Amino acid sequence: MGIPKQFLQEPIIEQDIMQITHKDTGKDLIRKGRALEAIVLTRTLAYKAEHHIIENGTRTMFLIR
């Protein structure tokens, strides 16, 4: 999947974590990382679609209800 280049220049809006263990293989870590990236990107796009994120020049405002 990967993050589109346009989003790499945007401010960080959402972050999350996922539990891993010493039993996870390299493939497990890649799979979990991609899944987490998709979850966080989906949340961020939902915030933007619901007008919780407003961009004003070089500033980004996050509206909390």
PDB file of N, CA and C in Angstrom:
ATOM      1  N   MET A   1       0.831  -1.176   0.000  1.00  0.00           N
ATOM      2  CA  MET A   1       0.000   0.000   0.000  1.00  0.00           C
ATOM      3  C   MET A   1       0.881   1.246   0.000  1.00  0.00           C
ATOM      4  N   GLY A   2       1.506   1.573   1.076  1.00  0.00           N
ATOM      5  CA  GLY A   2       2.385   2.725   1.154  1.00  0.00           C
ATOM      6  C   GLY A   2       1.623   4.035   1.280  1.00  0.00           C
ATOM      7  N   ILE A   3       2.269   4.999   1.864  1.00  0.00           N
ATOM      8  CA  ILE A   3       1.653   6.312   2.044  1.00  0.00           C
ATOM      9  C   ILE A   3       1.903   7.151   0.798  1.00  0.00           C
ATOM     10  N   PRO A   4       0.850   7.787   0.247  1.00  0.00           N
ATOM     11  CA  PRO A   4       1.056   8.666  -0.910  1.00  0.00           C
ATOM     12  C   PRO A   4       2.012   9.799  -0.559  1.00  0.00           C
ATOM     13  N   LYS A   5       2.846  10.209  -1.519  1.00  0.00           N
ATOM     14  CA  LYS A   5       3.858  11.240  -1.279  1.00  0.00           C
ATOM     15  C   LYS A   5       3.259  12.530  -0.731  1.00  0.00           C
ATOM     16  N   GLN A   6       2.065  12.887  -1.179  1.00  0.00           N
ATOM     17  CA  GLN A   6       1.451  14.131  -0.713  1.00  0.00           C
ATOM     18  C   GLN A   6       1.198  14.114   0.794  1.00  0.00           C
ATOM     19  N   PHE A   7       0.949  12.923   1.361  1.00  0.00           N
ATOM     20  CA  PHE A   7       0.705  12.829   2.796  1.00  0.00           C
ATOM     21  C   PHE A   7       1.994  12.883   3.606  1.00  0.00           C
ATOM     22  N   LEU A   8       3.113  12.556   2.999  1.00  0.00           N
ATOM     23  CA  LEU A   8       4.386  12.585   3.717  1.00  0.00           C
ATOM     24  C   LEU A   8       4.790  14.000   4.095  1.00  0.00           C
ATOM     25  N   GLN A   9       4.268  14.990   3.399  1.00  0.00           N
ATOM     26  CA  GLN A   9       4.590  16.384   3.681  1.00  0.00           C
ATOM     27  C   GLN A   9       3.582  17.021   4.627  1.00  0.00           C
ATOM     28  N   GLU A  10       2.512  16.324   4.943  1.00  0.00           N
ATOM     29  CA  GLU A  10       1.463  16.834   5.813  1.00  0.00           C
ATOM     30  C   GLU A  10       1.858  16.620   7.276  1.00  0.00           C
ATOM     31  N   PRO A  11       1.247  17.381   8.190  1.00  0.00           N
ATOM     32  CA  PRO A  11       1.521  17.171   9.615  1.00  0.00           C
ATOM     33  C   PRO A  11       0.968  15.823  10.075  1.00  0.00           C
ATOM     34  N   ILE A  12       1.535  15.315  11.150  1.00  0.00           N
ATOM     35  CA  ILE A  12       1.060  14.050  11.713  1.00  0.00           C
ATOM     36  C   ILE A  12      -0.236  14.332  12.460  1.00  0.00           C
ATOM     37  N   ILE A  13      -1.311  13.698  12.049  1.00  0.00           N
ATOM     38  CA  ILE A  13      -2.627  13.907  12.654  1.00  0.00           C
ATOM     39  C   ILE A  13      -2.965  12.770  13.614  1.00  0.00           C
ATOM     40  N   GLU A  14      -2.589  11.587  13.265  1.00  0.00           N
ATOM     41  CA  GLU A  14      -2.997  10.413  14.031  1.00  0.00           C
ATOM     42  C   GLU A  14      -1.821   9.440  14.126  1.00  0.00           C
ATOM     43  N   GLN A  15      -1.676   8.822  15.279  1.00  0.00           N
ATOM     44  CA  GLN A  15      -0.674   7.782  15.481  1.00  0.00           C
ATOM     45  C   GLN A  15      -1.303   6.677  16.294  1.00  0.00           C
ATOM     46  N   ASP A  16      -0.724   5.517  16.237  1.00  0.00           N
ATOM     47  CA  ASP A  16      -1.223   4.395  17.026  1.00  0.00           C
ATOM     48  C   ASP A  16      -0.073   3.424  17.252  1.00  0.00           C
ATOM     49  N   ILE A  17      -0.330   2.439  18.052  1.00  0.00           N
ATOM     50  CA  ILE A  17       0.668   1.400  18.316  1.00  0.00           C
ATOM     51  C   ILE A  17       0.008   0.035  18.158  1.00  0.00           C
ATOM     52  N   MET A  18       0.819  -0.981  18.004  1.00  0.00           N
ATOM     53  CA  MET A  18       0.324  -2.350  17.917  1.00  0.00           C
ATOM     54  C   MET A  18       1.301  -3.224  18.695  1.00  0.00           C
ATOM     55  N   GLN A  19       0.761  -4.140  19.436  1.00  0.00           N
ATOM     56  CA  GLN A  19       1.605  -5.014  20.236  1.00  0.00           C
ATOM     57  C   GLN A  19       2.333  -6.021  19.346  1.00  0.00           C
ATOM     58  N   ILE A  20       3.606  -6.206  19.628  1.00  0.00           N
ATOM     59  CA  ILE A  20       4.394  -7.237  18.969  1.00  0.00           C
ATOM     60  C   ILE A  20       5.097  -8.053  20.056  1.00  0.00           C
ATOM     61  N   THR A  21       5.575  -9.220  19.673  1.00  0.00           N
ATOM     62  CA  THR A  21       6.304 -10.053  20.628  1.00  0.00           C
ATOM     63  C   THR A  21       7.593 -10.537  19.981  1.00  0.00           C
ATOM     64  N   HIS A  22       8.428 -11.151  20.773  1.00  0.00           N
ATOM     65  CA  HIS A  22       9.682 -11.693  20.257  1.00  0.00           C
ATOM     66  C   HIS A  22       9.422 -12.869  19.313  1.00  0.00           C
ATOM     67  N   LYS A  23       8.207 -13.403  19.328  1.00  0.00           N
ATOM     68  CA  LYS A  23       7.857 -14.513  18.442  1.00  0.00           C
ATOM     69  C   LYS A  23       7.516 -14.054  17.029  1.00  0.00           C
ATOM     70  N   ASP A  24       7.235 -12.738  16.854  1.00  0.00           N
ATOM     71  CA  ASP A  24       6.902 -12.221  15.525  1.00  0.00           C
ATOM     72  C   ASP A  24       8.107 -12.316  14.599  1.00  0.00           C
ATOM     73  N   THR A  25       7.845 -12.776  13.401  1.00  0.00           N
ATOM     74  CA  THR A  25       8.900 -12.856  12.382  1.00  0.00           C
ATOM     75  C   THR A  25       8.973 -11.514  11.648  1.00  0.00           C
ATOM     76  N   GLY A  26       9.951 -11.384  10.789  1.00  0.00           N
ATOM     77  CA  GLY A  26      10.059 -10.186   9.970  1.00  0.00           C
ATOM     78  C   GLY A  26       8.814  -9.968   9.127  1.00  0.00           C
ATOM     79  N   LYS A  27       8.274 -11.060   8.580  1.00  0.00           N
ATOM     80  CA  LYS A  27       7.041 -10.967   7.783  1.00  0.00           C
ATOM     81  C   LYS A  27       5.862 -10.520   8.644  1.00  0.00           C
ATOM     82  N   ASP A  28       5.816 -10.998   9.888  1.00  0.00           N
ATOM     83  CA  ASP A  28       4.749 -10.577  10.806  1.00  0.00           C
ATOM     84  C   ASP A  28       4.829  -9.077  11.059  1.00  0.00           C
ATOM     85  N   LEU A  29       6.041  -8.583  11.282  1.00  0.00           N
ATOM     86  CA  LEU A  29       6.221  -7.154  11.561  1.00  0.00           C
ATOM     87  C   LEU A  29       5.815  -6.304  10.357  1.00  0.00           C
ATOM     88  N   ILE A  30       6.167  -6.748   9.172  1.00  0.00           N
ATOM     89  CA  ILE A  30       5.778  -6.026   7.956  1.00  0.00           C
ATOM     90  C   ILE A  30       4.258  -6.029   7.822  1.00  0.00           C
ATOM     91  N   ARG A  31       3.640  -7.177   8.023  1.00  0.00           N
ATOM     92  CA  ARG A  31       2.173  -7.288   7.920  1.00  0.00           C
ATOM     93  C   ARG A  31       1.486  -6.393   8.946  1.00  0.00           C
ATOM     94  N   LYS A  32       1.959  -6.426  10.180  1.00  0.00           N
ATOM     95  CA  LYS A  32       1.366  -5.607  11.235  1.00  0.00           C
ATOM     96  C   LYS A  32       1.587  -4.120  10.966  1.00  0.00           C
ATOM     97  N   GLY A  33       2.759  -3.773  10.479  1.00  0.00           N
ATOM     98  CA  GLY A  33       3.045  -2.378  10.161  1.00  0.00           C
ATOM     99  C   GLY A  33       2.141  -1.848   9.062  1.00  0.00           C
ATOM    100  N   ARG A  34       1.935  -2.653   8.031  1.00  0.00           N
ATOM    101  CA  ARG A  34       1.037  -2.244   6.940  1.00  0.00           C
ATOM    102  C   ARG A  34      -0.401  -2.124   7.413  1.00  0.00           C
ATOM    103  N   ALA A  35      -0.821  -3.055   8.252  1.00  0.00           N
ATOM    104  CA  ALA A  35      -2.187  -3.004   8.776  1.00  0.00           C
ATOM    105  C   ALA A  35      -2.385  -1.753   9.632  1.00  0.00           C
ATOM    106  N   LEU A  36      -1.422  -1.463  10.467  1.00  0.00           N
ATOM    107  CA  LEU A  36      -1.506  -0.286  11.328  1.00  0.00           C
ATOM    108  C   LEU A  36      -1.495   0.999  10.503  1.00  0.00           C
ATOM    109  N   GLU A  37      -0.668   1.036   9.484  1.00  0.00           N
ATOM    110  CA  GLU A  37      -0.618   2.194   8.586  1.00  0.00           C
ATOM    111  C   GLU A  37      -1.981   2.430   7.933  1.00  0.00           C
ATOM    112  N   ALA A  38      -2.629   1.363   7.502  1.00  0.00           N
ATOM    113  CA  ALA A  38      -3.948   1.473   6.865  1.00  0.00           C
ATOM    114  C   ALA A  38      -4.996   1.965   7.861  1.00  0.00           C
ATOM    115  N   ILE A  39      -4.953   1.461   9.083  1.00  0.00           N
ATOM    116  CA  ILE A  39      -5.907   1.872  10.117  1.00  0.00           C
ATOM    117  C   ILE A  39      -5.768   3.364  10.404  1.00  0.00           C
ATOM    118  N   VAL A  40      -4.544   3.816  10.616  1.00  0.00           N
ATOM    119  CA  VAL A  40      -4.296   5.213  10.960  1.00  0.00           C
ATOM    120  C   VAL A  40      -4.639   6.136   9.786  1.00  0.00           C
ATOM    121  N   LEU A  41      -4.282   5.745   8.580  1.00  0.00           N
ATOM    122  CA  LEU A  41      -4.600   6.554   7.407  1.00  0.00           C
ATOM    123  C   LEU A  41      -6.111   6.652   7.213  1.00  0.00           C
ATOM    124  N   THR A  42      -6.823   5.559   7.439  1.00  0.00           N
ATOM    125  CA  THR A  42      -8.276   5.569   7.319  1.00  0.00           C
ATOM    126  C   THR A  42      -8.900   6.513   8.330  1.00  0.00           C
ATOM    127  N   ARG A  43      -8.418   6.480   9.567  1.00  0.00           N
ATOM    128  CA  ARG A  43      -8.918   7.397  10.600  1.00  0.00           C
ATOM    129  C   ARG A  43      -8.677   8.850  10.215  1.00  0.00           C
ATOM    130  N   THR A  44      -7.479   9.123   9.735  1.00  0.00           N
ATOM    131  CA  THR A  44      -7.129  10.493   9.357  1.00  0.00           C
ATOM    132  C   THR A  44      -8.006  10.981   8.213  1.00  0.00           C
ATOM    133  N   LEU A  45      -8.221  10.149   7.207  1.00  0.00           N
ATOM    134  CA  LEU A  45      -9.076  10.539   6.087  1.00  0.00           C
ATOM    135  C   LEU A  45     -10.512  10.756   6.553  1.00  0.00           C
ATOM    136  N   ALA A  46     -10.968   9.969   7.510  1.00  0.00           N
ATOM    137  CA  ALA A  46     -12.311  10.165   8.054  1.00  0.00           C
ATOM    138  C   ALA A  46     -12.404  11.504   8.770  1.00  0.00           C
ATOM    139  N   TYR A  47     -11.372  11.862   9.550  1.00  0.00           N
ATOM    140  CA  TYR A  47     -11.364  13.161  10.226  1.00  0.00           C
ATOM    141  C   TYR A  47     -11.462  14.287   9.203  1.00  0.00           C
ATOM    142  N   LYS A  48     -10.693  14.161   8.141  1.00  0.00           N
ATOM    143  CA  LYS A  48     -10.685  15.196   7.107  1.00  0.00           C
ATOM    144  C   LYS A  48     -12.049  15.272   6.418  1.00  0.00           C
ATOM    145  N   ALA A  49     -12.636  14.130   6.095  1.00  0.00           N
ATOM    146  CA  ALA A  49     -13.936  14.094   5.427  1.00  0.00           C
ATOM    147  C   ALA A  49     -15.035  14.669   6.319  1.00  0.00           C
ATOM    148  N   GLU A  50     -14.905  14.477   7.613  1.00  0.00           N
ATOM    149  CA  GLU A  50     -15.903  14.978   8.558  1.00  0.00           C
ATOM    150  C   GLU A  50     -15.611  16.409   9.001  1.00  0.00           C
ATOM    151  N   HIS A  51     -14.650  17.041   8.347  1.00  0.00           N
ATOM    152  CA  HIS A  51     -14.283  18.448   8.601  1.00  0.00           C
ATOM    153  C   HIS A  51     -13.760  18.679  10.022  1.00  0.00           C
ATOM    154  N   HIS A  52     -13.077  17.683  10.573  1.00  0.00           N
ATOM    155  CA  HIS A  52     -12.419  17.856  11.867  1.00  0.00           C
ATOM    156  C   HIS A  52     -11.020  18.451  11.688  1.00  0.00           C
ATOM    157  N   ILE A  53     -10.521  18.423  10.462  1.00  0.00           N
ATOM    158  CA  ILE A  53      -9.203  18.957  10.163  1.00  0.00           C
ATOM    159  C   ILE A  53      -9.378  20.142   9.225  1.00  0.00           C
ATOM    160  N   ILE A  54      -8.841  21.290   9.622  1.00  0.00           N
ATOM    161  CA  ILE A  54      -8.919  22.489   8.793  1.00  0.00           C
ATOM    162  C   ILE A  54      -7.502  22.982   8.550  1.00  0.00           C
ATOM    163  N   GLU A  55      -7.161  23.160   7.289  1.00  0.00           N
ATOM    164  CA  GLU A  55      -5.846  23.670   6.927  1.00  0.00           C
ATOM    165  C   GLU A  55      -5.955  25.160   6.662  1.00  0.00           C
ATOM    166  N   ASN A  56      -5.030  25.922   7.235  1.00  0.00           N
ATOM    167  CA  ASN A  56      -5.020  27.367   7.079  1.00  0.00           C
ATOM    168  C   ASN A  56      -3.578  27.791   6.798  1.00  0.00           C
ATOM    169  N   GLY A  57      -3.221  27.874   5.533  1.00  0.00           N
ATOM    170  CA  GLY A  57      -1.845  28.221   5.175  1.00  0.00           C
ATOM    171  C   GLY A  57      -0.886  27.150   5.636  1.00  0.00           C
ATOM    172  N   THR A  58       0.029  27.531   6.519  1.00  0.00           N
ATOM    173  CA  THR A  58       1.022  26.578   7.017  1.00  0.00           C
ATOM    174  C   THR A  58       0.584  25.915   8.318  1.00  0.00           C
ATOM    175  N   ARG A  59      -0.623  26.209   8.768  1.00  0.00           N
ATOM    176  CA  ARG A  59      -1.129  25.636  10.018  1.00  0.00           C
ATOM    177  C   ARG A  59      -2.246  24.640   9.749  1.00  0.00           C
ATOM    178  N   THR A  60      -2.327  23.645  10.583  1.00  0.00           N
ATOM    179  CA  THR A  60      -3.400  22.671  10.514  1.00  0.00           C
ATOM    180  C   THR A  60      -4.073  22.633  11.873  1.00  0.00           C
ATOM    181  N   MET A  61      -5.393  22.786  11.866  1.00  0.00           N
ATOM    182  CA  MET A  61      -6.163  22.775  13.115  1.00  0.00           C
ATOM    183  C   MET A  61      -6.979  21.499  13.175  1.00  0.00           C
ATOM    184  N   PHE A  62      -7.027  20.899  14.351  1.00  0.00           N
ATOM    185  CA  PHE A  62      -7.787  19.679  14.567  1.00  0.00           C
ATOM    186  C   PHE A  62      -8.913  20.025  15.527  1.00  0.00           C
ATOM    187  N   LEU A  63     -10.150  19.902  15.062  1.00  0.00           N
ATOM    188  CA  LEU A  63     -11.312  20.259  15.852  1.00  0.00           C
ATOM    189  C   LEU A  63     -11.801  19.068  16.652  1.00  0.00           C
ATOM    190  N   ILE A  64     -11.974  19.246  17.934  1.00  0.00           N
ATOM    191  CA  ILE A  64     -12.438  18.182  18.812  1.00  0.00           C
ATOM    192  C   ILE A  64     -13.833  18.565  19.310  1.00  0.00           C
ATOM    193  N   ARG A  65     -14.746  17.621  19.205  1.00  0.00           N
ATOM    194  CA  ARG A  65     -16.113  17.882  19.697  1.00  0.00           C
ATOM    195  C   ARG A  65     -16.288  17.346  21.076  1.00  0.00           C
TER     196      ARG A  65
END
